[in-house]
Amino acid sequence: YANMGKTANRGIELTVNSRNIDVNGFTWNTGLVFSWNHNEIKD
């Protein structure tokens, strides 16, 4: 094990919640999660 190098990370995290239908006691809800990440060795 050694301390070495340098890395860089960048990314996006997204959360979306929607109430699609809410009629006469019937409901439909949707939840979406998304995560994107890019990492690379700089040195």
PDB file of all heavy atoms in Angstrom:
ATOM      1  N   TYR A   1       0.850  -1.189   0.000  1.00  0.00           N
ATOM      2  CA  TYR A   1       0.000   0.000   0.000  1.00  0.00           C
ATOM      3  C   TYR A   1       0.890   1.244   0.000  1.00  0.00           C
ATOM      4  O   TYR A   1       1.879   1.313   0.747  1.00  0.00           O
ATOM      5  CB  TYR A   1      -0.906   0.027   1.217  1.00  0.00           C
ATOM      6  CG  TYR A   1      -2.184  -0.756   1.040  1.00  0.00           C
ATOM      7  CD1 TYR A   1      -2.405  -1.935   1.742  1.00  0.00           C
ATOM      8  CD2 TYR A   1      -3.169  -0.310   0.169  1.00  0.00           C
ATOM      9  CE1 TYR A   1      -3.586  -2.653   1.583  1.00  0.00           C
ATOM     10  CE2 TYR A   1      -4.345  -1.017  -0.002  1.00  0.00           C
ATOM     11  CZ  TYR A   1      -4.545  -2.192   0.708  1.00  0.00           C
ATOM     12  OH  TYR A   1      -5.700  -2.891   0.538  1.00  0.00           O
ATOM     13  N   ALA A   2       0.534   2.222  -0.842  1.00  0.00           N
ATOM     14  CA  ALA A   2       1.330   3.434  -0.935  1.00  0.00           C
ATOM     15  C   ALA A   2       0.429   4.630  -1.215  1.00  0.00           C
ATOM     16  O   ALA A   2      -0.630   4.493  -1.816  1.00  0.00           O
ATOM     17  CB  ALA A   2       2.380   3.296  -2.045  1.00  0.00           C
ATOM     18  N   ASN A   3       0.858   5.817  -0.736  1.00  0.00           N
ATOM     19  CA  ASN A   3       0.194   7.074  -1.104  1.00  0.00           C
ATOM     20  C   ASN A   3       0.776   7.554  -2.418  1.00  0.00           C
ATOM     21  O   ASN A   3       1.990   7.796  -2.516  1.00  0.00           O
ATOM     22  CB  ASN A   3       0.434   8.140  -0.040  1.00  0.00           C
ATOM     23  CG  ASN A   3      -0.295   7.862   1.242  1.00  0.00           C
ATOM     24  OD1 ASN A   3       0.308   7.450   2.218  1.00  0.00           O
ATOM     25  ND2 ASN A   3      -1.592   8.097   1.255  1.00  0.00           N
ATOM     26  N   MET A   4      -0.058   7.645  -3.418  1.00  0.00           N
ATOM     27  CA  MET A   4       0.482   7.988  -4.726  1.00  0.00           C
ATOM     28  C   MET A   4      -0.592   8.578  -5.619  1.00  0.00           C
ATOM     29  O   MET A   4      -1.768   8.266  -5.496  1.00  0.00           O
ATOM     30  CB  MET A   4       1.063   6.740  -5.408  1.00  0.00           C
ATOM     31  CG  MET A   4       0.093   5.572  -5.466  1.00  0.00           C
ATOM     32  SD  MET A   4       0.834   4.059  -6.060  1.00  0.00           S
ATOM     33  CE  MET A   4       1.285   4.538  -7.707  1.00  0.00           C
ATOM     34  N   GLY A   5      -0.163   9.463  -6.478  1.00  0.00           N
ATOM     35  CA  GLY A   5      -1.017   9.919  -7.561  1.00  0.00           C
ATOM     36  C   GLY A   5      -2.094  10.910  -7.193  1.00  0.00           C
ATOM     37  O   GLY A   5      -2.268  11.338  -6.046  1.00  0.00           O
ATOM     38  N   LYS A   6      -2.846  11.242  -8.229  1.00  0.00           N
ATOM     39  CA  LYS A   6      -3.935  12.200  -8.114  1.00  0.00           C
ATOM     40  C   LYS A   6      -5.043  11.786  -9.068  1.00  0.00           C
ATOM     41  O   LYS A   6      -4.778  11.428 -10.217  1.00  0.00           O
ATOM     42  CB  LYS A   6      -3.438  13.601  -8.469  1.00  0.00           C
ATOM     43  CG  LYS A   6      -4.495  14.690  -8.423  1.00  0.00           C
ATOM     44  CD  LYS A   6      -3.884  16.034  -8.765  1.00  0.00           C
ATOM     45  CE  LYS A   6      -4.905  17.160  -8.715  1.00  0.00           C
ATOM     46  NZ  LYS A   6      -4.295  18.470  -9.037  1.00  0.00           N
ATOM     47  N   THR A   7      -6.282  11.800  -8.591  1.00  0.00           N
ATOM     48  CA  THR A   7      -7.436  11.470  -9.431  1.00  0.00           C
ATOM     49  C   THR A   7      -8.447  12.603  -9.392  1.00  0.00           C
ATOM     50  O   THR A   7      -8.471  13.408  -8.450  1.00  0.00           O
ATOM     51  CB  THR A   7      -8.131  10.177  -8.978  1.00  0.00           C
ATOM     52  OG1 THR A   7      -8.612  10.344  -7.636  1.00  0.00           O
ATOM     53  CG2 THR A   7      -7.192   8.989  -9.056  1.00  0.00           C
ATOM     54  N   ALA A   8      -9.292  12.646 -10.414  1.00  0.00           N
ATOM     55  CA  ALA A   8     -10.365  13.639 -10.486  1.00  0.00           C
ATOM     56  C   ALA A   8     -11.685  12.927 -10.740  1.00  0.00           C
ATOM     57  O   ALA A   8     -11.746  11.963 -11.512  1.00  0.00           O
ATOM     58  CB  ALA A   8     -10.089  14.648 -11.597  1.00  0.00           C
ATOM     59  N   ASN A   9     -12.719  13.378 -10.084  1.00  0.00           N
ATOM     60  CA  ASN A   9     -14.066  12.838 -10.249  1.00  0.00           C
ATOM     61  C   ASN A   9     -15.025  13.968 -10.566  1.00  0.00           C
ATOM     62  O   ASN A   9     -14.896  15.078 -10.045  1.00  0.00           O
ATOM     63  CB  ASN A   9     -14.539  12.143  -8.964  1.00  0.00           C
ATOM     64  CG  ASN A   9     -14.011  10.748  -8.830  1.00  0.00           C
ATOM     65  OD1 ASN A   9     -14.604   9.800  -9.302  1.00  0.00           O
ATOM     66  ND2 ASN A   9     -12.861  10.613  -8.173  1.00  0.00           N
ATOM     67  N   ARG A  10     -16.005  13.667 -11.393  1.00  0.00           N
ATOM     68  CA  ARG A  10     -17.110  14.597 -11.604  1.00  0.00           C
ATOM     69  C   ARG A  10     -18.350  13.772 -11.907  1.00  0.00           C
ATOM     70  O   ARG A  10     -18.254  12.675 -12.467  1.00  0.00           O
ATOM     71  CB  ARG A  10     -16.814  15.591 -12.735  1.00  0.00           C
ATOM     72  CG  ARG A  10     -16.639  14.986 -14.104  1.00  0.00           C
ATOM     73  CD  ARG A  10     -16.349  16.076 -15.144  1.00  0.00           C
ATOM     74  NE  ARG A  10     -16.307  15.542 -16.492  1.00  0.00           N
ATOM     75  CZ  ARG A  10     -15.229  15.038 -17.071  1.00  0.00           C
ATOM     76  NH1 ARG A  10     -14.098  14.965 -16.393  1.00  0.00           N
ATOM     77  NH2 ARG A  10     -15.279  14.584 -18.310  1.00  0.00           N
ATOM     78  N   GLY A  11     -19.493  14.302 -11.539  1.00  0.00           N
ATOM     79  CA  GLY A  11     -20.693  13.510 -11.753  1.00  0.00           C
ATOM     80  C   GLY A  11     -21.968  14.295 -11.520  1.00  0.00           C
ATOM     81  O   GLY A  11     -21.956  15.477 -11.137  1.00  0.00           O
ATOM     82  N   ILE A  12     -23.082  13.601 -11.751  1.00  0.00           N
ATOM     83  CA  ILE A  12     -24.418  14.162 -11.598  1.00  0.00           C
ATOM     84  C   ILE A  12     -25.270  13.155 -10.835  1.00  0.00           C
ATOM     85  O   ILE A  12     -25.209  11.947 -11.120  1.00  0.00           O
ATOM     86  CB  ILE A  12     -25.075  14.452 -12.962  1.00  0.00           C
ATOM     87  CG1 ILE A  12     -24.249  15.459 -13.759  1.00  0.00           C
ATOM     88  CG2 ILE A  12     -26.503  14.957 -12.786  1.00  0.00           C
ATOM     89  CD1 ILE A  12     -24.750  15.642 -15.182  1.00  0.00           C
ATOM     90  N   GLU A  13     -26.055  13.626  -9.909  1.00  0.00           N
ATOM     91  CA  GLU A  13     -27.038  12.795  -9.209  1.00  0.00           C
ATOM     92  C   GLU A  13     -28.399  13.468  -9.340  1.00  0.00           C
ATOM     93  O   GLU A  13     -28.534  14.656  -9.026  1.00  0.00           O
ATOM     94  CB  GLU A  13     -26.661  12.612  -7.745  1.00  0.00           C
ATOM     95  CG  GLU A  13     -25.386  11.815  -7.554  1.00  0.00           C
ATOM     96  CD  GLU A  13     -25.011  11.635  -6.099  1.00  0.00           C
ATOM     97  OE1 GLU A  13     -25.630  12.341  -5.237  1.00  0.00           O
ATOM     98  OE2 GLU A  13     -24.123  10.833  -5.799  1.00  0.00           O
ATOM     99  N   LEU A  14     -29.379  12.721  -9.811  1.00  0.00           N
ATOM    100  CA  LEU A  14     -30.710  13.269 -10.088  1.00  0.00           C
ATOM    101  C   LEU A  14     -31.779  12.438  -9.406  1.00  0.00           C
ATOM    102  O   LEU A  14     -31.737  11.193  -9.450  1.00  0.00           O
ATOM    103  CB  LEU A  14     -30.954  13.289 -11.608  1.00  0.00           C
ATOM    104  CG  LEU A  14     -32.366  13.640 -12.083  1.00  0.00           C
ATOM    105  CD1 LEU A  14     -32.671  15.106 -11.774  1.00  0.00           C
ATOM    106  CD2 LEU A  14     -32.519  13.349 -13.569  1.00  0.00           C
ATOM    107  N   THR A  15     -32.729  13.109  -8.783  1.00  0.00           N
ATOM    108  CA  THR A  15     -33.901  12.454  -8.194  1.00  0.00           C
ATOM    109  C   THR A  15     -35.155  13.185  -8.663  1.00  0.00           C
ATOM    110  O   THR A  15     -35.231  14.417  -8.571  1.00  0.00           O
ATOM    111  CB  THR A  15     -33.848  12.473  -6.654  1.00  0.00           C
ATOM    112  OG1 THR A  15     -32.675  11.798  -6.212  1.00  0.00           O
ATOM    113  CG2 THR A  15     -35.075  11.795  -6.061  1.00  0.00           C
ATOM    114  N   VAL A  16     -36.131  12.446  -9.182  1.00  0.00           N
ATOM    115  CA  VAL A  16     -37.395  13.026  -9.645  1.00  0.00           C
ATOM    116  C   VAL A  16     -38.547  12.198  -9.085  1.00  0.00           C
ATOM    117  O   VAL A  16     -38.542  10.960  -9.185  1.00  0.00           O
ATOM    118  CB  VAL A  16     -37.482  13.049 -11.188  1.00  0.00           C
ATOM    119  CG1 VAL A  16     -38.828  13.633 -11.625  1.00  0.00           C
ATOM    120  CG2 VAL A  16     -36.339  13.844 -11.794  1.00  0.00           C
ATOM    121  N   ASN A  17     -39.531  12.868  -8.492  1.00  0.00           N
ATOM    122  CA  ASN A  17     -40.745  12.227  -8.001  1.00  0.00           C
ATOM    123  C   ASN A  17     -41.956  12.895  -8.653  1.00  0.00           C
ATOM    124  O   ASN A  17     -42.016  14.124  -8.734  1.00  0.00           O
ATOM    125  CB  ASN A  17     -40.853  12.340  -6.480  1.00  0.00           C
ATOM    126  CG  ASN A  17     -39.726  11.614  -5.769  1.00  0.00           C
ATOM    127  OD1 ASN A  17     -39.601  10.403  -5.876  1.00  0.00           O
ATOM    128  ND2 ASN A  17     -38.899  12.359  -5.049  1.00  0.00           N
ATOM    129  N   SER A  18     -42.885  12.083  -9.112  1.00  0.00           N
ATOM    130  CA  SER A  18     -44.066  12.647  -9.779  1.00  0.00           C
ATOM    131  C   SER A  18     -45.341  11.986  -9.286  1.00  0.00           C
ATOM    132  O   SER A  18     -45.351  10.783  -8.969  1.00  0.00           O
ATOM    133  CB  SER A  18     -43.956  12.486 -11.300  1.00  0.00           C
ATOM    134  OG  SER A  18     -43.997  11.118 -11.674  1.00  0.00           O
ATOM    135  N   ARG A  19     -46.398  12.760  -9.188  1.00  0.00           N
ATOM    136  CA  ARG A  19     -47.732  12.267  -8.872  1.00  0.00           C
ATOM    137  C   ARG A  19     -48.516  12.296 -10.178  1.00  0.00           C
ATOM    138  O   ARG A  19     -49.072  13.300 -10.587  1.00  0.00           O
ATOM    139  CB  ARG A  19     -48.386  13.149  -7.798  1.00  0.00           C
ATOM    140  CG  ARG A  19     -49.681  12.574  -7.246  1.00  0.00           C
ATOM    141  CD  ARG A  19     -50.169  13.352  -6.031  1.00  0.00           C
ATOM    142  NE  ARG A  19     -50.666  14.679  -6.394  1.00  0.00           N
ATOM    143  CZ  ARG A  19     -50.022  15.811  -6.163  1.00  0.00           C
ATOM    144  NH1 ARG A  19     -48.824  15.803  -5.591  1.00  0.00           N
ATOM    145  NH2 ARG A  19     -50.544  16.982  -6.519  1.00  0.00           N
ATOM    146  N   ASN A  20     -48.545  11.140 -10.860  1.00  0.00           N
ATOM    147  CA  ASN A  20     -49.094  11.083 -12.214  1.00  0.00           C
ATOM    148  C   ASN A  20     -50.621  11.138 -12.227  1.00  0.00           C
ATOM    149  O   ASN A  20     -51.214  11.852 -13.041  1.00  0.00           O
ATOM    150  CB  ASN A  20     -48.621   9.810 -12.922  1.00  0.00           C
ATOM    151  CG  ASN A  20     -47.106   9.663 -12.890  1.00  0.00           C
ATOM    152  OD1 ASN A  20     -46.384  10.623 -13.116  1.00  0.00           O
ATOM    153  ND2 ASN A  20     -46.623   8.467 -12.584  1.00  0.00           N
ATOM    154  N   ILE A  21     -51.252  10.354 -11.341  1.00  0.00           N
ATOM    155  CA  ILE A  21     -52.724  10.289 -11.294  1.00  0.00           C
ATOM    156  C   ILE A  21     -53.159  10.288  -9.835  1.00  0.00           C
ATOM    157  O   ILE A  21     -52.579   9.592  -8.994  1.00  0.00           O
ATOM    158  CB  ILE A  21     -53.255   9.020 -11.996  1.00  0.00           C
ATOM    159  CG1 ILE A  21     -52.895   9.022 -13.487  1.00  0.00           C
ATOM    160  CG2 ILE A  21     -54.765   8.899 -11.824  1.00  0.00           C
ATOM    161  CD1 ILE A  21     -53.306   7.752 -14.221  1.00  0.00           C
ATOM    162  N   ASP A  22     -54.171  11.048  -9.541  1.00  0.00           N
ATOM    163  CA  ASP A  22     -54.784  11.045  -8.215  1.00  0.00           C
ATOM    164  C   ASP A  22     -56.266  11.359  -8.403  1.00  0.00           C
ATOM    165  O   ASP A  22     -56.711  12.499  -8.267  1.00  0.00           O
ATOM    166  CB  ASP A  22     -54.103  12.078  -7.312  1.00  0.00           C
ATOM    167  CG  ASP A  22     -54.575  11.971  -5.871  1.00  0.00           C
ATOM    168  OD1 ASP A  22     -55.497  11.167  -5.603  1.00  0.00           O
ATOM    169  OD2 ASP A  22     -54.005  12.684  -5.014  1.00  0.00           O
ATOM    170  N   VAL A  23     -57.061  10.316  -8.741  1.00  0.00           N
ATOM    171  CA  VAL A  23     -58.463  10.490  -9.091  1.00  0.00           C
ATOM    172  C   VAL A  23     -59.302   9.395  -8.428  1.00  0.00           C
ATOM    173  O   VAL A  23     -59.000   8.198  -8.565  1.00  0.00           O
ATOM    174  CB  VAL A  23     -58.669  10.432 -10.618  1.00  0.00           C
ATOM    175  CG1 VAL A  23     -60.152  10.567 -10.958  1.00  0.00           C
ATOM    176  CG2 VAL A  23     -57.865  11.520 -11.320  1.00  0.00           C
ATOM    177  N   ASN A  24     -60.342   9.800  -7.696  1.00  0.00           N
ATOM    178  CA  ASN A  24     -61.321   8.864  -7.122  1.00  0.00           C
ATOM    179  C   ASN A  24     -60.668   7.733  -6.332  1.00  0.00           C
ATOM    180  O   ASN A  24     -61.035   6.558  -6.436  1.00  0.00           O
ATOM    181  CB  ASN A  24     -62.203   8.274  -8.223  1.00  0.00           C
ATOM    182  CG  ASN A  24     -63.014   9.325  -8.942  1.00  0.00           C
ATOM    183  OD1 ASN A  24     -63.448  10.313  -8.336  1.00  0.00           O
ATOM    184  ND2 ASN A  24     -63.225   9.136 -10.245  1.00  0.00           N
ATOM    185  N   GLY A  25     -59.675   8.085  -5.532  1.00  0.00           N
ATOM    186  CA  GLY A  25     -59.032   7.091  -4.679  1.00  0.00           C
ATOM    187  C   GLY A  25     -57.923   6.301  -5.346  1.00  0.00           C
ATOM    188  O   GLY A  25     -57.233   5.524  -4.682  1.00  0.00           O
ATOM    189  N   PHE A  26     -57.750   6.475  -6.659  1.00  0.00           N
ATOM    190  CA  PHE A  26     -56.675   5.770  -7.372  1.00  0.00           C
ATOM    191  C   PHE A  26     -55.486   6.717  -7.555  1.00  0.00           C
ATOM    192  O   PHE A  26     -55.640   7.846  -8.025  1.00  0.00           O
ATOM    193  CB  PHE A  26     -57.153   5.299  -8.744  1.00  0.00           C
ATOM    194  CG  PHE A  26     -56.061   4.676  -9.578  1.00  0.00           C
ATOM    195  CD1 PHE A  26     -55.620   3.391  -9.311  1.00  0.00           C
ATOM    196  CD2 PHE A  26     -55.471   5.392 -10.614  1.00  0.00           C
ATOM    197  CE1 PHE A  26     -54.612   2.818 -10.062  1.00  0.00           C
ATOM    198  CE2 PHE A  26     -54.466   4.830 -11.380  1.00  0.00           C
ATOM    199  CZ  PHE A  26     -54.032   3.529 -11.104  1.00  0.00           C
ATOM    200  N   THR A  27     -54.304   6.260  -7.149  1.00  0.00           N
ATOM    201  CA  THR A  27     -53.095   7.074  -7.300  1.00  0.00           C
ATOM    202  C   THR A  27     -52.014   6.282  -8.018  1.00  0.00           C
ATOM    203  O   THR A  27     -51.929   5.061  -7.903  1.00  0.00           O
ATOM    204  CB  THR A  27     -52.549   7.525  -5.930  1.00  0.00           C
ATOM    205  OG1 THR A  27     -52.164   6.369  -5.167  1.00  0.00           O
ATOM    206  CG2 THR A  27     -53.583   8.327  -5.162  1.00  0.00           C
ATOM    207  N   TRP A  28     -51.216   7.030  -8.763  1.00  0.00           N
ATOM    208  CA  TRP A  28     -50.045   6.453  -9.441  1.00  0.00           C
ATOM    209  C   TRP A  28     -48.895   7.433  -9.260  1.00  0.00           C
ATOM    210  O   TRP A  28     -48.936   8.551  -9.743  1.00  0.00           O
ATOM    211  CB  TRP A  28     -50.350   6.221 -10.922  1.00  0.00           C
ATOM    212  CG  TRP A  28     -49.151   5.854 -11.753  1.00  0.00           C
ATOM    213  CD1 TRP A  28     -47.996   5.270 -11.314  1.00  0.00           C
ATOM    214  CD2 TRP A  28     -48.969   6.087 -13.156  1.00  0.00           C
ATOM    215  NE1 TRP A  28     -47.112   5.107 -12.338  1.00  0.00           N
ATOM    216  CE2 TRP A  28     -47.683   5.595 -13.492  1.00  0.00           C
ATOM    217  CE3 TRP A  28     -49.764   6.651 -14.151  1.00  0.00           C
ATOM    218  CZ2 TRP A  28     -47.179   5.665 -14.787  1.00  0.00           C
ATOM    219  CZ3 TRP A  28     -49.265   6.715 -15.437  1.00  0.00           C
ATOM    220  CH2 TRP A  28     -48.002   6.219 -15.751  1.00  0.00           C
ATOM    221  N   ASN A  29     -47.876   6.994  -8.520  1.00  0.00           N
ATOM    222  CA  ASN A  29     -46.698   7.813  -8.259  1.00  0.00           C
ATOM    223  C   ASN A  29     -45.460   7.146  -8.869  1.00  0.00           C
ATOM    224  O   ASN A  29     -45.352   5.912  -8.905  1.00  0.00           O
ATOM    225  CB  ASN A  29     -46.480   8.005  -6.760  1.00  0.00           C
ATOM    226  CG  ASN A  29     -47.616   8.759  -6.106  1.00  0.00           C
ATOM    227  OD1 ASN A  29     -48.158   9.699  -6.694  1.00  0.00           O
ATOM    228  ND2 ASN A  29     -47.997   8.357  -4.904  1.00  0.00           N
ATOM    229  N   THR A  30     -44.537   7.973  -9.334  1.00  0.00           N
ATOM    230  CA  THR A  30     -43.309   7.476  -9.945  1.00  0.00           C
ATOM    231  C   THR A  30     -42.109   8.142  -9.294  1.00  0.00           C
ATOM    232  O   THR A  30     -42.122   9.360  -9.035  1.00  0.00           O
ATOM    233  CB  THR A  30     -43.288   7.760 -11.460  1.00  0.00           C
ATOM    234  OG1 THR A  30     -44.360   7.066 -12.087  1.00  0.00           O
ATOM    235  CG2 THR A  30     -41.972   7.300 -12.077  1.00  0.00           C
ATOM    236  N   GLY A  31     -41.075   7.353  -9.030  1.00  0.00           N
ATOM    237  CA  GLY A  31     -39.821   7.880  -8.506  1.00  0.00           C
ATOM    238  C   GLY A  31     -38.662   7.441  -9.391  1.00  0.00           C
ATOM    239  O   GLY A  31     -38.564   6.269  -9.767  1.00  0.00           O
ATOM    240  N   LEU A  32     -37.803   8.382  -9.759  1.00  0.00           N
ATOM    241  CA  LEU A  32     -36.658   8.104 -10.622  1.00  0.00           C
ATOM    242  C   LEU A  32     -35.387   8.594  -9.950  1.00  0.00           C
ATOM    243  O   LEU A  32     -35.328   9.713  -9.452  1.00  0.00           O
ATOM    244  CB  LEU A  32     -36.827   8.817 -11.971  1.00  0.00           C
ATOM    245  CG  LEU A  32     -35.612   8.813 -12.915  1.00  0.00           C
ATOM    246  CD1 LEU A  32     -35.351   7.408 -13.441  1.00  0.00           C
ATOM    247  CD2 LEU A  32     -35.809   9.798 -14.063  1.00  0.00           C
ATOM    248  N   VAL A  33     -34.359   7.726  -9.924  1.00  0.00           N
ATOM    249  CA  VAL A  33     -33.036   8.131  -9.449  1.00  0.00           C
ATOM    250  C   VAL A  33     -32.026   7.808 -10.545  1.00  0.00           C
ATOM    251  O   VAL A  33     -32.128   6.789 -11.235  1.00  0.00           O
ATOM    252  CB  VAL A  33     -32.647   7.437  -8.132  1.00  0.00           C
ATOM    253  CG1 VAL A  33     -33.542   7.898  -7.001  1.00  0.00           C
ATOM    254  CG2 VAL A  33     -32.703   5.921  -8.263  1.00  0.00           C
ATOM    255  N   PHE A  34     -31.061   8.701 -10.718  1.00  0.00           N
ATOM    256  CA  PHE A  34     -30.048   8.543 -11.760  1.00  0.00           C
ATOM    257  C   PHE A  34     -28.727   9.065 -11.235  1.00  0.00           C
ATOM    258  O   PHE A  34     -28.681  10.111 -10.569  1.00  0.00           O
ATOM    259  CB  PHE A  34     -30.458   9.317 -13.018  1.00  0.00           C
ATOM    260  CG  PHE A  34     -29.376   9.396 -14.068  1.00  0.00           C
ATOM    261  CD1 PHE A  34     -29.168   8.361 -14.959  1.00  0.00           C
ATOM    262  CD2 PHE A  34     -28.556  10.524 -14.154  1.00  0.00           C
ATOM    263  CE1 PHE A  34     -28.170   8.433 -15.918  1.00  0.00           C
ATOM    264  CE2 PHE A  34     -27.564  10.611 -15.113  1.00  0.00           C
ATOM    265  CZ  PHE A  34     -27.363   9.557 -15.996  1.00  0.00           C
ATOM    266  N   SER A  35     -27.649   8.352 -11.517  1.00  0.00           N
ATOM    267  CA  SER A  35     -26.333   8.771 -11.075  1.00  0.00           C
ATOM    268  C   SER A  35     -25.320   8.499 -12.177  1.00  0.00           C
ATOM    269  O   SER A  35     -25.263   7.385 -12.708  1.00  0.00           O
ATOM    270  CB  SER A  35     -25.939   8.029  -9.791  1.00  0.00           C
ATOM    271  OG  SER A  35     -24.625   8.366  -9.394  1.00  0.00           O
ATOM    272  N   TRP A  36     -24.531   9.513 -12.523  1.00  0.00           N
ATOM    273  CA  TRP A  36     -23.472   9.377 -13.512  1.00  0.00           C
ATOM    274  C   TRP A  36     -22.165   9.864 -12.907  1.00  0.00           C
ATOM    275  O   TRP A  36     -22.129  10.884 -12.214  1.00  0.00           O
ATOM    276  CB  TRP A  36     -23.783  10.212 -14.754  1.00  0.00           C
ATOM    277  CG  TRP A  36     -22.634  10.293 -15.731  1.00  0.00           C
ATOM    278  CD1 TRP A  36     -22.289   9.391 -16.678  1.00  0.00           C
ATOM    279  CD2 TRP A  36     -21.669  11.359 -15.831  1.00  0.00           C
ATOM    280  NE1 TRP A  36     -21.179   9.805 -17.374  1.00  0.00           N
ATOM    281  CE2 TRP A  36     -20.780  11.024 -16.874  1.00  0.00           C
ATOM    282  CE3 TRP A  36     -21.494  12.558 -15.142  1.00  0.00           C
ATOM    283  CZ2 TRP A  36     -19.716  11.847 -17.241  1.00  0.00           C
ATOM    284  CZ3 TRP A  36     -20.430  13.384 -15.499  1.00  0.00           C
ATOM    285  CH2 TRP A  36     -19.564  13.027 -16.538  1.00  0.00           C
ATOM    286  N   ASN A  37     -21.088   9.099 -13.131  1.00  0.00           N
ATOM    287  CA  ASN A  37     -19.802   9.480 -12.561  1.00  0.00           C
ATOM    288  C   ASN A  37     -18.687   9.199 -13.553  1.00  0.00           C
ATOM    289  O   ASN A  37     -18.701   8.187 -14.255  1.00  0.00           O
ATOM    290  CB  ASN A  37     -19.535   8.725 -11.255  1.00  0.00           C
ATOM    291  CG  ASN A  37     -18.153   9.021 -10.690  1.00  0.00           C
ATOM    292  OD1 ASN A  37     -17.197   8.298 -10.945  1.00  0.00           O
ATOM    293  ND2 ASN A  37     -18.056  10.090  -9.925  1.00  0.00           N
ATOM    294  N   HIS A  38     -17.739  10.110 -13.604  1.00  0.00           N
ATOM    295  CA  HIS A  38     -16.538   9.921 -14.422  1.00  0.00           C
ATOM    296  C   HIS A  38     -15.321  10.182 -13.551  1.00  0.00           C
ATOM    297  O   HIS A  38     -15.222  11.225 -12.910  1.00  0.00           O
ATOM    298  CB  HIS A  38     -16.527  10.875 -15.618  1.00  0.00           C
ATOM    299  CG  HIS A  38     -15.255  10.813 -16.412  1.00  0.00           C
ATOM    300  ND1 HIS A  38     -14.983   9.793 -17.295  1.00  0.00           N
ATOM    301  CD2 HIS A  38     -14.175  11.640 -16.440  1.00  0.00           C
ATOM    302  CE1 HIS A  38     -13.795   9.993 -17.849  1.00  0.00           C
ATOM    303  NE2 HIS A  38     -13.285  11.106 -17.340  1.00  0.00           N
ATOM    304  N   ASN A  39     -14.415   9.198 -13.492  1.00  0.00           N
ATOM    305  CA  ASN A  39     -13.179   9.410 -12.749  1.00  0.00           C
ATOM    306  C   ASN A  39     -11.995   9.072 -13.636  1.00  0.00           C
ATOM    307  O   ASN A  39     -12.096   8.229 -14.535  1.00  0.00           O
ATOM    308  CB  ASN A  39     -13.150   8.583 -11.459  1.00  0.00           C
ATOM    309  CG  ASN A  39     -12.844   7.125 -11.716  1.00  0.00           C
ATOM    310  OD1 ASN A  39     -11.684   6.724 -11.771  1.00  0.00           O
ATOM    311  ND2 ASN A  39     -13.897   6.317 -11.875  1.00  0.00           N
ATOM    312  N   GLU A  40     -10.897   9.746 -13.410  1.00  0.00           N
ATOM    313  CA  GLU A  40      -9.705   9.500 -14.205  1.00  0.00           C
ATOM    314  C   GLU A  40      -8.453   9.798 -13.398  1.00  0.00           C
ATOM    315  O   GLU A  40      -8.465  10.611 -12.464  1.00  0.00           O
ATOM    316  CB  GLU A  40      -9.703  10.332 -15.479  1.00  0.00           C
ATOM    317  CG  GLU A  40      -9.683  11.832 -15.262  1.00  0.00           C
ATOM    318  CD  GLU A  40      -9.655  12.602 -16.579  1.00  0.00           C
ATOM    319  OE1 GLU A  40      -8.540  12.832 -17.085  1.00  0.00           O
ATOM    320  OE2 GLU A  40     -10.747  12.925 -17.087  1.00  0.00           O
ATOM    321  N   ILE A  41      -7.393   9.099 -13.744  1.00  0.00           N
ATOM    322  CA  ILE A  41      -6.096   9.316 -13.111  1.00  0.00           C
ATOM    323  C   ILE A  41      -5.434  10.530 -13.746  1.00  0.00           C
ATOM    324  O   ILE A  41      -5.268  10.590 -14.968  1.00  0.00           O
ATOM    325  CB  ILE A  41      -5.207   8.075 -13.268  1.00  0.00           C
ATOM    326  CG1 ILE A  41      -5.856   6.863 -12.589  1.00  0.00           C
ATOM    327  CG2 ILE A  41      -3.817   8.332 -12.675  1.00  0.00           C
ATOM    328  CD1 ILE A  41      -5.121   5.559 -12.831  1.00  0.00           C
ATOM    329  N   LYS A  42      -5.049  11.492 -12.937  1.00  0.00           N
ATOM    330  CA  LYS A  42      -4.368  12.682 -13.418  1.00  0.00           C
ATOM    331  C   LYS A  42      -2.847  12.528 -13.381  1.00  0.00           C
ATOM    332  O   LYS A  42      -2.132  13.044 -14.239  1.00  0.00           O
ATOM    333  CB  LYS A  42      -4.785  13.896 -12.584  1.00  0.00           C
ATOM    334  CG  LYS A  42      -6.220  14.337 -12.792  1.00  0.00           C
ATOM    335  CD  LYS A  42      -6.447  14.821 -14.210  1.00  0.00           C
ATOM    336  CE  LYS A  42      -7.819  15.423 -14.393  1.00  0.00           C
ATOM    337  NZ  LYS A  42      -8.048  15.896 -15.778  1.00  0.00           N
ATOM    338  N   ASP A  43      -2.352  11.850 -12.361  1.00  0.00           N
ATOM    339  CA  ASP A  43      -0.913  11.644 -12.237  1.00  0.00           C
ATOM    340  C   ASP A  43      -0.668  10.476 -11.284  1.00  0.00           C
ATOM    341  O   ASP A  43      -1.532  10.140 -10.454  1.00  0.00           O
ATOM    342  CB  ASP A  43      -0.230  12.911 -11.718  1.00  0.00           C
ATOM    343  CG  ASP A  43       1.275  12.898 -11.965  1.00  0.00           C
ATOM    344  OD1 ASP A  43       1.754  11.994 -12.683  1.00  0.00           O
ATOM    345  OD2 ASP A  43       1.969  13.784 -11.436  1.00  0.00           O
TER     346      ASP A  43
END
